[in-house]
Amino acid sequence: IIDSQLPRLTRLEHATYVIDNSNDLTSLTNQVNALHETLTHD
């Protein structure tokens, strides 16, 4: 299954939204909250 996936860079280039979870929990929370606001904004 993994061999059939697109390379990471290709997936990132095609993504509409990306959340980077390689940093601390505060950074992740901020990104999730910002995306939630974007997606639920009227």
N, C-alpha and C. Protein backbone atom coordinates (compact mmCIF):
# COMPACT_ATOMS: atom_id res chain seq x y z
N ILE A 1 0.83 -1.20 0.00
CA ILE A 1 0.00 0.00 0.00
C ILE A 1 0.87 1.26 0.00
N ILE A 2 1.88 1.29 0.83
CA ILE A 2 2.73 2.48 0.92
C ILE A 2 3.41 2.76 -0.42
N ASP A 3 3.85 1.70 -1.11
CA ASP A 3 4.52 1.89 -2.40
C ASP A 3 3.60 2.51 -3.45
N SER A 4 2.29 2.37 -3.28
CA SER A 4 1.36 2.91 -4.26
C SER A 4 0.96 4.36 -3.96
N GLN A 5 1.42 4.90 -2.85
CA GLN A 5 1.09 6.28 -2.50
C GLN A 5 1.99 7.25 -3.27
N LEU A 6 1.46 8.45 -3.48
CA LEU A 6 2.26 9.51 -4.09
C LEU A 6 3.36 9.93 -3.12
N PRO A 7 4.46 10.44 -3.63
CA PRO A 7 5.51 10.96 -2.76
C PRO A 7 4.98 12.13 -1.92
N ARG A 8 5.59 12.33 -0.77
CA ARG A 8 5.14 13.36 0.17
C ARG A 8 5.05 14.73 -0.50
N LEU A 9 6.07 15.13 -1.22
CA LEU A 9 6.08 16.45 -1.85
C LEU A 9 4.93 16.60 -2.83
N THR A 10 4.64 15.57 -3.57
CA THR A 10 3.52 15.60 -4.52
C THR A 10 2.20 15.76 -3.79
N ARG A 11 2.04 15.01 -2.70
CA ARG A 11 0.80 15.14 -1.91
C ARG A 11 0.65 16.56 -1.37
N LEU A 12 1.75 17.14 -0.89
CA LEU A 12 1.69 18.50 -0.35
C LEU A 12 1.35 19.51 -1.44
N GLU A 13 1.87 19.32 -2.64
CA GLU A 13 1.58 20.23 -3.75
C GLU A 13 0.11 20.18 -4.15
N HIS A 14 -0.54 19.05 -3.96
CA HIS A 14 -1.94 18.88 -4.35
C HIS A 14 -2.92 19.18 -3.20
N ALA A 15 -2.41 19.32 -2.00
CA ALA A 15 -3.27 19.51 -0.84
C ALA A 15 -3.88 20.91 -0.82
N THR A 16 -5.12 20.97 -0.41
CA THR A 16 -5.78 22.26 -0.21
C THR A 16 -5.38 22.84 1.14
N TYR A 17 -5.31 22.00 2.14
CA TYR A 17 -4.93 22.40 3.49
C TYR A 17 -3.87 21.43 4.00
N VAL A 18 -2.90 21.96 4.74
CA VAL A 18 -1.85 21.13 5.33
C VAL A 18 -1.67 21.55 6.77
N ILE A 19 -1.68 20.57 7.67
CA ILE A 19 -1.38 20.82 9.07
C ILE A 19 -0.06 20.11 9.37
N ASP A 20 0.91 20.88 9.84
CA ASP A 20 2.23 20.35 10.15
C ASP A 20 2.26 19.95 11.62
N ASN A 21 2.36 18.67 11.88
CA ASN A 21 2.38 18.21 13.27
C ASN A 21 3.78 17.84 13.75
N SER A 22 4.80 18.44 13.13
CA SER A 22 6.17 18.13 13.53
C SER A 22 6.69 19.06 14.63
N ASN A 23 5.88 20.02 15.02
CA ASN A 23 6.27 20.95 16.08
C ASN A 23 5.57 20.61 17.38
N ASP A 24 5.52 21.56 18.29
CA ASP A 24 4.91 21.30 19.59
C ASP A 24 3.38 21.33 19.53
N LEU A 25 2.76 20.92 20.61
CA LEU A 25 1.31 20.83 20.68
C LEU A 25 0.64 22.20 20.53
N THR A 26 1.27 23.24 21.03
CA THR A 26 0.72 24.58 20.90
C THR A 26 0.63 24.98 19.43
N SER A 27 1.67 24.71 18.69
CA SER A 27 1.68 25.01 17.26
C SER A 27 0.60 24.23 16.53
N LEU A 28 0.48 22.96 16.85
CA LEU A 28 -0.55 22.12 16.24
C LEU A 28 -1.94 22.65 16.56
N THR A 29 -2.17 22.98 17.81
CA THR A 29 -3.47 23.52 18.22
C THR A 29 -3.79 24.80 17.48
N ASN A 30 -2.81 25.69 17.35
CA ASN A 30 -3.02 26.94 16.63
C ASN A 30 -3.39 26.70 15.17
N GLN A 31 -2.71 25.75 14.54
CA GLN A 31 -3.01 25.44 13.14
C GLN A 31 -4.41 24.85 12.99
N VAL A 32 -4.77 23.95 13.88
CA VAL A 32 -6.10 23.34 13.83
C VAL A 32 -7.17 24.40 14.05
N ASN A 33 -6.97 25.27 15.02
CA ASN A 33 -7.94 26.33 15.29
C ASN A 33 -8.07 27.28 14.10
N ALA A 34 -6.96 27.63 13.49
CA ALA A 34 -6.99 28.53 12.33
C ALA A 34 -7.71 27.87 11.16
N LEU A 35 -7.45 26.60 10.92
CA LEU A 35 -8.12 25.90 9.83
C LEU A 35 -9.61 25.76 10.12
N HIS A 36 -9.95 25.46 11.35
CA HIS A 36 -11.36 25.36 11.74
C HIS A 36 -12.07 26.68 11.48
N GLU A 37 -11.44 27.77 11.85
CA GLU A 37 -12.01 29.10 11.61
C GLU A 37 -12.19 29.35 10.11
N THR A 38 -11.20 28.99 9.33
CA THR A 38 -11.29 29.15 7.88
C THR A 38 -12.45 28.35 7.30
N LEU A 39 -12.59 27.12 7.74
CA LEU A 39 -13.60 26.23 7.18
C LEU A 39 -15.01 26.54 7.65
N THR A 40 -15.14 27.19 8.80
CA THR A 40 -16.47 27.47 9.33
C THR A 40 -16.87 28.93 9.20
N HIS A 41 -15.99 29.75 8.62
CA HIS A 41 -16.29 31.18 8.48
C HIS A 41 -17.43 31.38 7.49
N ASP A 42 -18.38 32.20 7.88
CA ASP A 42 -19.53 32.48 7.01
C ASP A 42 -19.23 33.56 6.02
